[in-house]
N, C-alpha and C. Protein backbone atom coordinates (compact mmCIF):
# COMPACT_ATOMS: atom_id res chain seq x y z
N MET A 1 -15.15 88.26 237.54
CA MET A 1 -14.61 88.48 236.24
C MET A 1 -14.44 87.18 235.46
N LYS A 2 -14.13 86.15 236.17
CA LYS A 2 -13.96 84.86 235.52
C LYS A 2 -15.28 84.37 234.93
N GLN A 3 -16.39 84.66 235.57
CA GLN A 3 -17.70 84.23 235.06
C GLN A 3 -18.00 84.91 233.74
N LYS A 4 -17.64 86.18 233.59
CA LYS A 4 -17.87 86.89 232.34
C LYS A 4 -17.06 86.27 231.21
N ASN A 5 -15.81 85.88 231.51
CA ASN A 5 -14.96 85.29 230.48
C ASN A 5 -15.54 83.95 230.00
N TYR A 6 -16.05 83.15 230.92
CA TYR A 6 -16.65 81.86 230.53
C TYR A 6 -17.91 82.08 229.70
N LYS A 7 -18.72 83.06 230.09
CA LYS A 7 -19.93 83.35 229.34
C LYS A 7 -19.60 83.83 227.94
N ASN A 8 -18.60 84.70 227.84
CA ASN A 8 -18.20 85.22 226.53
C ASN A 8 -17.63 84.09 225.65
N LEU A 9 -16.84 83.25 226.25
CA LEU A 9 -16.25 82.13 225.51
C LEU A 9 -17.33 81.19 224.98
N ILE A 10 -18.30 80.85 225.80
CA ILE A 10 -19.40 79.97 225.39
C ILE A 10 -20.23 80.64 224.29
N PHE A 11 -20.46 81.93 224.43
CA PHE A 11 -21.22 82.67 223.43
C PHE A 11 -20.50 82.65 222.08
N ILE A 12 -19.20 82.85 222.08
CA ILE A 12 -18.40 82.87 220.85
C ILE A 12 -18.41 81.49 220.19
N ILE A 13 -18.30 80.44 220.99
CA ILE A 13 -18.31 79.07 220.44
C ILE A 13 -19.65 78.76 219.78
N ILE A 14 -20.73 79.19 220.40
CA ILE A 14 -22.06 78.94 219.84
C ILE A 14 -22.23 79.68 218.51
N ILE A 15 -21.74 80.92 218.45
CA ILE A 15 -21.84 81.70 217.20
C ILE A 15 -21.04 81.02 216.09
N PHE A 16 -19.82 80.55 216.39
CA PHE A 16 -19.01 79.86 215.38
C PHE A 16 -19.70 78.58 214.88
N LEU A 17 -20.26 77.85 215.82
CA LEU A 17 -20.95 76.61 215.40
C LEU A 17 -22.14 76.91 214.49
N LEU A 18 -22.87 77.94 214.82
CA LEU A 18 -24.01 78.31 213.99
C LEU A 18 -23.58 78.78 212.61
N LEU A 19 -22.55 79.56 212.55
CA LEU A 19 -22.07 80.06 211.27
C LEU A 19 -21.55 78.93 210.39
N PHE A 20 -20.75 78.04 210.96
CA PHE A 20 -20.20 76.95 210.16
C PHE A 20 -21.28 75.94 209.73
N SER A 21 -22.23 75.68 210.60
CA SER A 21 -23.28 74.74 210.22
C SER A 21 -24.18 75.35 209.15
N CYS A 22 -24.46 76.63 209.20
CA CYS A 22 -25.27 77.28 208.17
C CYS A 22 -24.50 77.38 206.88
N ALA A 23 -23.21 77.61 206.95
CA ALA A 23 -22.40 77.73 205.74
C ALA A 23 -22.40 76.41 204.97
N GLU A 24 -22.31 75.27 205.64
CA GLU A 24 -22.32 73.97 204.97
C GLU A 24 -23.64 73.73 204.27
N LYS A 25 -24.72 74.12 204.90
CA LYS A 25 -26.04 73.92 204.30
C LYS A 25 -26.18 74.77 203.06
N LYS A 26 -25.67 75.98 203.08
CA LYS A 26 -25.76 76.85 201.91
C LYS A 26 -24.97 76.27 200.76
N GLU A 27 -23.80 75.71 201.04
CA GLU A 27 -22.98 75.14 199.98
C GLU A 27 -23.69 73.95 199.34
N THR A 28 -24.33 73.09 200.12
CA THR A 28 -25.01 71.94 199.54
C THR A 28 -26.18 72.39 198.69
N VAL A 29 -26.87 73.43 199.08
CA VAL A 29 -27.99 73.94 198.29
C VAL A 29 -27.48 74.48 196.97
N VAL A 30 -26.38 75.19 197.00
CA VAL A 30 -25.81 75.75 195.79
C VAL A 30 -25.37 74.62 194.86
N GLN A 31 -24.77 73.57 195.40
CA GLN A 31 -24.33 72.47 194.56
C GLN A 31 -25.51 71.77 193.91
N LYS A 32 -26.58 71.61 194.62
CA LYS A 32 -27.75 70.96 194.05
C LYS A 32 -28.35 71.78 192.93
N GLN A 33 -28.29 73.11 193.04
CA GLN A 33 -28.88 73.95 192.01
C GLN A 33 -27.99 74.03 190.78
N SER A 34 -26.69 73.87 190.94
CA SER A 34 -25.78 74.03 189.82
C SER A 34 -25.75 72.81 188.90
N VAL A 35 -26.32 71.66 189.30
CA VAL A 35 -26.33 70.45 188.48
C VAL A 35 -27.39 70.61 187.40
N PRO A 36 -27.02 70.45 186.14
CA PRO A 36 -28.02 70.58 185.07
C PRO A 36 -28.99 69.39 185.09
N VAL A 37 -30.23 69.66 184.80
CA VAL A 37 -31.27 68.63 184.83
C VAL A 37 -31.65 68.28 183.41
N LYS A 38 -31.61 66.98 183.10
CA LYS A 38 -31.98 66.52 181.77
C LYS A 38 -33.40 65.98 181.83
N LYS A 39 -34.18 66.38 180.88
CA LYS A 39 -35.55 65.89 180.80
C LYS A 39 -35.65 64.90 179.66
N GLU A 40 -36.26 63.74 179.96
CA GLU A 40 -36.44 62.72 178.94
C GLU A 40 -37.92 62.47 178.74
N VAL A 41 -38.28 62.21 177.52
CA VAL A 41 -39.66 61.90 177.20
C VAL A 41 -39.77 60.39 177.05
N VAL A 42 -40.69 59.78 177.81
CA VAL A 42 -40.87 58.33 177.77
C VAL A 42 -42.22 58.05 177.14
N GLU A 43 -42.21 57.21 176.12
CA GLU A 43 -43.46 56.83 175.48
C GLU A 43 -44.08 55.66 176.22
N THR A 44 -45.36 55.69 176.38
CA THR A 44 -46.06 54.59 177.06
C THR A 44 -47.04 53.95 176.09
N SER A 45 -47.28 52.67 176.33
CA SER A 45 -48.26 51.96 175.52
C SER A 45 -49.11 51.11 176.45
N THR A 46 -50.29 50.77 176.02
CA THR A 46 -51.19 49.96 176.85
C THR A 46 -51.02 48.50 176.47
N VAL A 47 -50.95 47.67 177.49
CA VAL A 47 -50.82 46.23 177.30
C VAL A 47 -51.94 45.57 178.07
N SER A 48 -52.65 44.65 177.43
CA SER A 48 -53.71 43.94 178.15
C SER A 48 -53.14 42.67 178.75
N VAL A 49 -53.40 42.45 180.00
CA VAL A 49 -52.89 41.28 180.72
C VAL A 49 -54.08 40.41 181.11
N LYS A 50 -54.01 39.14 180.77
CA LYS A 50 -55.08 38.22 181.14
C LYS A 50 -54.89 37.80 182.58
N SER A 51 -55.87 38.03 183.39
CA SER A 51 -55.78 37.72 184.81
C SER A 51 -56.06 36.24 185.06
N SER A 52 -55.21 35.63 185.89
CA SER A 52 -55.42 34.22 186.21
C SER A 52 -56.30 34.04 187.44
N ILE A 53 -56.81 35.12 187.98
CA ILE A 53 -57.65 35.03 189.17
C ILE A 53 -58.95 34.30 188.87
N PHE A 54 -59.47 34.49 187.67
CA PHE A 54 -60.77 33.95 187.35
C PHE A 54 -60.71 32.56 186.69
N GLU A 55 -59.51 32.01 186.53
CA GLU A 55 -59.40 30.68 185.96
C GLU A 55 -59.79 29.64 187.00
N LYS A 56 -60.52 28.63 186.59
CA LYS A 56 -60.98 27.59 187.51
C LYS A 56 -59.88 26.54 187.67
N TYR A 57 -59.65 26.15 188.90
CA TYR A 57 -58.64 25.13 189.21
C TYR A 57 -59.22 23.75 188.96
N VAL A 58 -58.52 22.93 188.18
CA VAL A 58 -58.94 21.55 187.90
C VAL A 58 -57.77 20.64 188.20
N TYR A 59 -58.02 19.62 189.01
CA TYR A 59 -56.98 18.65 189.36
C TYR A 59 -57.17 17.41 188.49
N ASP A 60 -56.18 17.10 187.66
CA ASP A 60 -56.30 15.98 186.74
C ASP A 60 -55.61 14.71 187.22
N GLY A 61 -54.87 14.79 188.29
CA GLY A 61 -54.14 13.61 188.78
C GLY A 61 -55.08 12.58 189.37
N LEU A 62 -54.98 11.35 188.89
CA LEU A 62 -55.86 10.30 189.38
C LEU A 62 -55.20 9.41 190.41
N SER A 63 -53.88 9.49 190.54
CA SER A 63 -53.22 8.58 191.46
C SER A 63 -53.23 9.07 192.90
N TYR A 64 -53.46 10.37 193.12
CA TYR A 64 -53.51 10.91 194.46
C TYR A 64 -54.74 11.80 194.58
N ARG A 65 -55.21 11.98 195.80
CA ARG A 65 -56.36 12.85 196.00
C ARG A 65 -55.92 14.30 195.87
N ASP A 66 -56.85 15.19 195.56
CA ASP A 66 -56.57 16.62 195.42
C ASP A 66 -56.21 17.19 196.79
N PRO A 67 -55.02 17.74 196.96
CA PRO A 67 -54.62 18.23 198.28
C PRO A 67 -55.34 19.49 198.71
N PHE A 68 -56.04 20.16 197.79
CA PHE A 68 -56.73 21.40 198.13
C PHE A 68 -58.20 21.17 198.49
N VAL A 69 -58.66 19.94 198.47
CA VAL A 69 -60.03 19.62 198.84
C VAL A 69 -60.01 19.10 200.27
N PRO A 70 -60.80 19.66 201.17
CA PRO A 70 -60.79 19.19 202.57
C PRO A 70 -61.31 17.77 202.69
N LEU A 71 -60.86 17.08 203.73
CA LEU A 71 -61.28 15.70 203.97
C LEU A 71 -62.57 15.67 204.79
N SER A 72 -63.62 16.17 204.24
CA SER A 72 -64.89 16.11 204.96
C SER A 72 -65.67 14.90 204.45
N GLY A 73 -66.60 14.43 205.25
CA GLY A 73 -67.36 13.24 204.90
C GLY A 73 -68.13 13.39 203.61
N GLU A 74 -68.70 14.57 203.37
CA GLU A 74 -69.48 14.78 202.16
C GLU A 74 -68.61 14.72 200.92
N LYS A 75 -67.43 15.33 200.98
CA LYS A 75 -66.55 15.37 199.81
C LYS A 75 -65.96 14.00 199.52
N VAL A 76 -65.58 13.26 200.55
CA VAL A 76 -64.97 11.96 200.35
C VAL A 76 -66.01 10.95 199.87
N ALA A 77 -67.22 11.07 200.34
CA ALA A 77 -68.26 10.11 200.01
C ALA A 77 -68.68 10.18 198.56
N LYS A 78 -68.54 11.33 197.93
CA LYS A 78 -68.94 11.48 196.53
C LYS A 78 -67.80 10.99 195.64
N ALA A 79 -68.09 10.04 194.77
CA ALA A 79 -67.07 9.53 193.86
C ALA A 79 -66.84 10.55 192.75
N LYS A 80 -65.63 10.59 192.22
CA LYS A 80 -65.32 11.50 191.13
C LYS A 80 -66.05 11.02 189.88
N LEU A 81 -66.54 11.96 189.09
CA LEU A 81 -67.29 11.60 187.89
C LEU A 81 -66.36 11.08 186.79
N GLY A 82 -65.13 11.58 186.74
CA GLY A 82 -64.22 11.18 185.68
C GLY A 82 -63.58 9.82 185.89
N VAL A 83 -63.68 9.23 187.06
CA VAL A 83 -63.03 7.96 187.36
C VAL A 83 -63.93 6.83 186.89
N THR A 84 -63.34 5.92 186.13
CA THR A 84 -64.11 4.78 185.66
C THR A 84 -63.62 3.52 186.35
N GLY A 85 -64.42 2.51 186.32
CA GLY A 85 -64.05 1.24 186.94
C GLY A 85 -64.42 1.21 188.40
N GLU A 86 -64.24 0.05 188.98
CA GLU A 86 -64.58 -0.11 190.39
C GLU A 86 -63.31 -0.17 191.23
N ALA A 87 -63.47 0.07 192.49
CA ALA A 87 -62.34 0.07 193.41
C ALA A 87 -61.81 -1.35 193.59
N VAL A 88 -60.51 -1.45 193.79
CA VAL A 88 -59.88 -2.74 194.06
C VAL A 88 -60.23 -3.13 195.49
N VAL A 89 -60.77 -4.33 195.66
CA VAL A 89 -61.14 -4.82 196.99
C VAL A 89 -59.93 -5.55 197.57
N PRO A 90 -59.30 -4.97 198.59
CA PRO A 90 -58.11 -5.59 199.16
C PRO A 90 -58.49 -6.72 200.12
N PRO A 91 -57.63 -7.72 200.27
CA PRO A 91 -57.86 -8.70 201.32
C PRO A 91 -57.78 -8.01 202.69
N ILE A 92 -58.60 -8.44 203.61
CA ILE A 92 -58.67 -7.78 204.92
C ILE A 92 -57.34 -7.88 205.67
N GLY A 93 -56.57 -8.91 205.40
CA GLY A 93 -55.28 -9.08 206.08
C GLY A 93 -54.19 -8.16 205.55
N SER A 94 -54.38 -7.57 204.36
CA SER A 94 -53.35 -6.72 203.79
C SER A 94 -53.45 -5.27 204.27
N LEU A 95 -54.53 -4.92 204.95
CA LEU A 95 -54.71 -3.54 205.40
C LEU A 95 -53.96 -3.27 206.70
N GLN A 96 -53.42 -2.06 206.81
CA GLN A 96 -52.76 -1.61 208.04
C GLN A 96 -53.34 -0.25 208.41
N LEU A 97 -53.72 -0.09 209.66
CA LEU A 97 -54.23 1.18 210.15
C LEU A 97 -53.06 2.14 210.35
N LYS A 98 -53.12 3.32 209.70
CA LYS A 98 -52.02 4.29 209.78
C LYS A 98 -52.34 5.49 210.66
N GLY A 99 -53.63 5.83 210.81
CA GLY A 99 -53.94 6.99 211.63
C GLY A 99 -55.41 7.35 211.60
N PHE A 100 -55.72 8.43 212.32
CA PHE A 100 -57.10 8.91 212.43
C PHE A 100 -57.13 10.41 212.14
N ILE A 101 -58.25 10.85 211.59
CA ILE A 101 -58.53 12.27 211.46
C ILE A 101 -59.87 12.48 212.13
N VAL A 102 -59.87 13.23 213.23
CA VAL A 102 -61.09 13.43 214.00
C VAL A 102 -61.28 14.93 214.23
N ASP A 103 -62.45 15.42 213.87
CA ASP A 103 -62.82 16.79 214.21
C ASP A 103 -64.28 16.80 214.63
N LYS A 104 -64.88 17.97 214.73
CA LYS A 104 -66.26 18.06 215.21
C LYS A 104 -67.25 17.39 214.26
N GLN A 105 -66.94 17.38 212.96
CA GLN A 105 -67.87 16.84 211.98
C GLN A 105 -67.57 15.40 211.59
N ASP A 106 -66.32 15.07 211.40
CA ASP A 106 -65.96 13.79 210.79
C ASP A 106 -65.02 12.97 211.67
N LYS A 107 -65.12 11.67 211.47
CA LYS A 107 -64.20 10.70 212.08
C LYS A 107 -63.75 9.79 210.96
N ILE A 108 -62.46 9.89 210.61
CA ILE A 108 -61.91 9.18 209.46
C ILE A 108 -60.74 8.34 209.92
N ALA A 109 -60.67 7.09 209.41
CA ALA A 109 -59.53 6.21 209.67
C ALA A 109 -58.75 6.04 208.37
N LEU A 110 -57.43 6.08 208.45
CA LEU A 110 -56.56 5.97 207.28
C LEU A 110 -55.92 4.59 207.26
N PHE A 111 -56.06 3.91 206.11
CA PHE A 111 -55.48 2.57 205.95
C PHE A 111 -54.50 2.58 204.79
N SER A 112 -53.54 1.67 204.86
CA SER A 112 -52.57 1.47 203.79
C SER A 112 -52.49 -0.02 203.48
N SER A 113 -52.25 -0.34 202.22
CA SER A 113 -52.06 -1.73 201.81
C SER A 113 -51.24 -1.73 200.53
N PRO A 114 -50.77 -2.89 200.08
CA PRO A 114 -50.05 -2.94 198.81
C PRO A 114 -50.94 -2.56 197.62
N TYR A 115 -52.24 -2.55 197.79
CA TYR A 115 -53.17 -2.21 196.72
C TYR A 115 -53.48 -0.71 196.67
N GLY A 116 -53.02 0.03 197.65
CA GLY A 116 -53.25 1.47 197.69
C GLY A 116 -53.63 1.93 199.09
N SER A 117 -54.06 3.17 199.18
CA SER A 117 -54.50 3.70 200.47
C SER A 117 -56.02 3.77 200.50
N TYR A 118 -56.58 3.70 201.71
CA TYR A 118 -58.03 3.65 201.89
C TYR A 118 -58.44 4.52 203.06
N LEU A 119 -59.68 5.02 203.00
CA LEU A 119 -60.26 5.83 204.07
C LEU A 119 -61.56 5.19 204.53
N LEU A 120 -61.73 5.09 205.83
CA LEU A 120 -63.00 4.64 206.40
C LEU A 120 -63.73 5.89 206.88
N VAL A 121 -64.85 6.21 206.18
CA VAL A 121 -65.61 7.42 206.48
C VAL A 121 -67.07 7.03 206.67
N ASN A 122 -67.62 7.38 207.82
CA ASN A 122 -69.03 7.10 208.12
C ASN A 122 -69.38 5.62 207.91
N GLY A 123 -68.48 4.73 208.28
CA GLY A 123 -68.74 3.30 208.22
C GLY A 123 -68.51 2.67 206.87
N LYS A 124 -68.08 3.44 205.86
CA LYS A 124 -67.83 2.91 204.52
C LYS A 124 -66.38 3.11 204.15
N LEU A 125 -65.85 2.15 203.37
CA LEU A 125 -64.44 2.19 202.97
C LEU A 125 -64.34 2.74 201.55
N TYR A 126 -63.41 3.70 201.34
CA TYR A 126 -63.19 4.33 200.04
C TYR A 126 -61.72 4.17 199.66
N ASP A 127 -61.45 4.03 198.35
CA ASP A 127 -60.05 3.94 197.91
C ASP A 127 -59.50 5.34 197.69
N ARG A 128 -58.26 5.43 197.17
CA ARG A 128 -57.60 6.73 197.04
C ARG A 128 -58.22 7.62 195.97
N GLN A 129 -59.08 7.05 195.12
CA GLN A 129 -59.78 7.84 194.12
C GLN A 129 -61.23 8.10 194.53
N ASN A 130 -61.50 7.94 195.81
CA ASN A 130 -62.82 8.19 196.41
C ASN A 130 -63.91 7.28 195.85
N ARG A 131 -63.54 6.08 195.43
CA ARG A 131 -64.53 5.11 194.98
C ARG A 131 -64.88 4.20 196.15
N LEU A 132 -66.14 3.86 196.27
CA LEU A 132 -66.62 2.99 197.34
C LEU A 132 -66.09 1.58 197.13
N VAL A 133 -65.49 1.02 198.18
CA VAL A 133 -65.01 -0.36 198.15
C VAL A 133 -66.17 -1.22 198.61
N LYS A 134 -66.76 -1.97 197.69
CA LYS A 134 -67.94 -2.77 198.02
C LYS A 134 -67.54 -3.97 198.88
N GLY A 135 -68.42 -4.29 199.80
CA GLY A 135 -68.20 -5.46 200.62
C GLY A 135 -67.55 -5.18 201.96
N TYR A 136 -67.25 -3.92 202.26
CA TYR A 136 -66.63 -3.57 203.53
C TYR A 136 -67.49 -2.56 204.29
N SER A 137 -67.55 -2.73 205.58
CA SER A 137 -68.13 -1.72 206.47
C SER A 137 -67.26 -1.72 207.72
N GLY A 138 -67.35 -0.65 208.50
CA GLY A 138 -66.48 -0.57 209.66
C GLY A 138 -66.95 0.44 210.67
N LYS A 139 -66.24 0.43 211.79
CA LYS A 139 -66.57 1.33 212.88
C LYS A 139 -65.29 1.71 213.61
N ILE A 140 -65.20 2.99 213.99
CA ILE A 140 -64.07 3.47 214.77
C ILE A 140 -64.44 3.35 216.24
N VAL A 141 -63.58 2.68 217.03
CA VAL A 141 -63.83 2.47 218.45
C VAL A 141 -63.06 3.52 219.23
N PHE A 142 -63.77 4.22 220.15
CA PHE A 142 -63.15 5.27 220.96
C PHE A 142 -62.92 4.79 222.38
N ASN A 143 -61.88 5.31 223.00
CA ASN A 143 -61.58 5.03 224.40
C ASN A 143 -62.59 5.78 225.27
N ASN A 144 -63.21 5.10 226.22
CA ASN A 144 -64.24 5.72 227.06
C ASN A 144 -63.68 6.82 227.96
N ILE A 145 -62.45 6.69 228.38
CA ILE A 145 -61.87 7.65 229.33
C ILE A 145 -61.35 8.89 228.60
N THR A 146 -60.52 8.69 227.58
CA THR A 146 -59.90 9.83 226.90
C THR A 146 -60.72 10.35 225.72
N ASN A 147 -61.70 9.58 225.26
CA ASN A 147 -62.54 9.92 224.11
C ASN A 147 -61.70 10.13 222.84
N LYS A 148 -60.61 9.37 222.74
CA LYS A 148 -59.76 9.40 221.55
C LYS A 148 -59.94 8.08 220.80
N PRO A 149 -59.75 8.08 219.47
CA PRO A 149 -59.88 6.82 218.72
C PRO A 149 -58.82 5.83 219.16
N GLN A 150 -59.24 4.61 219.32
CA GLN A 150 -58.35 3.58 219.84
C GLN A 150 -58.10 2.49 218.80
N SER A 151 -59.16 2.09 218.09
CA SER A 151 -59.02 1.03 217.10
C SER A 151 -60.15 1.14 216.09
N VAL A 152 -60.07 0.26 215.06
CA VAL A 152 -61.09 0.21 214.02
C VAL A 152 -61.46 -1.26 213.80
N ILE A 153 -62.76 -1.50 213.66
CA ILE A 153 -63.24 -2.85 213.35
C ILE A 153 -63.80 -2.82 211.93
N LEU A 154 -63.22 -3.66 211.04
CA LEU A 154 -63.72 -3.80 209.67
C LEU A 154 -64.43 -5.14 209.53
N ILE A 155 -65.55 -5.12 208.79
CA ILE A 155 -66.34 -6.34 208.57
C ILE A 155 -66.55 -6.48 207.07
N THR A 156 -66.36 -7.71 206.55
CA THR A 156 -66.58 -7.96 205.12
C THR A 156 -67.99 -8.53 204.91
N GLU A 157 -68.34 -8.71 203.62
CA GLU A 157 -69.66 -9.29 203.28
C GLU A 157 -69.79 -10.72 203.80
N GLU A 158 -68.67 -11.42 203.86
CA GLU A 158 -68.68 -12.81 204.32
C GLU A 158 -68.64 -12.90 205.84
N ASN A 159 -68.90 -11.81 206.53
CA ASN A 159 -68.90 -11.72 207.99
C ASN A 159 -67.53 -12.01 208.61
N GLU A 160 -66.48 -11.79 207.86
CA GLU A 160 -65.13 -11.82 208.44
C GLU A 160 -64.90 -10.45 209.06
N TYR A 161 -64.24 -10.42 210.19
CA TYR A 161 -63.96 -9.12 210.80
C TYR A 161 -62.55 -9.14 211.38
N LYS A 162 -62.02 -7.95 211.50
CA LYS A 162 -60.68 -7.79 212.08
C LYS A 162 -60.63 -6.45 212.79
N GLU A 163 -60.01 -6.44 213.98
CA GLU A 163 -59.81 -5.19 214.71
C GLU A 163 -58.41 -4.71 214.46
N PHE A 164 -58.28 -3.46 214.06
CA PHE A 164 -57.01 -2.85 213.73
C PHE A 164 -56.64 -1.82 214.80
N THR A 165 -55.37 -1.82 215.17
CA THR A 165 -54.82 -0.78 216.04
C THR A 165 -53.58 -0.22 215.36
N ILE A 166 -53.18 0.96 215.75
CA ILE A 166 -51.99 1.56 215.15
C ILE A 166 -50.76 0.91 215.76
N SER A 167 -49.92 0.36 214.90
CA SER A 167 -48.68 -0.27 215.39
C SER A 167 -47.62 0.81 215.53
N GLU A 168 -46.92 0.80 216.65
CA GLU A 168 -45.90 1.84 216.91
C GLU A 168 -44.53 1.32 216.71
């Protein structure tokens, strides 16, 4: 007899839960329908927008190289057409080796001096405006064991030479 009472009690609880849960849903539906809906008319107009996607990027700064142009040998070797004058030839003693850029295609040495920054690319020295510095040639020396750049040898027209290493 006790089992019947438990079954009846559980059955009654389930019915109450179903009735109350359905009643709440019906009330929310009724409330949503009773809210008046206002319709508004919105006027639209066409506007033409000029797209900047097709504009060509031009870098006008002459004091620094264009940061969006890769440092490949072909790009660095070509002087800019808008730059006039010749590159300042620094004394060989004023140059300091700052670093190397080495990848599968190029081997570049970076120099700094009071006259500006310089790049040694394919044995030729270029200033920060990609102008050839006349009278200089050079070579990057690699370590035989690690195959990493170790130093740079620069030679002037007067056969003066100096080996540069990165100072730490």
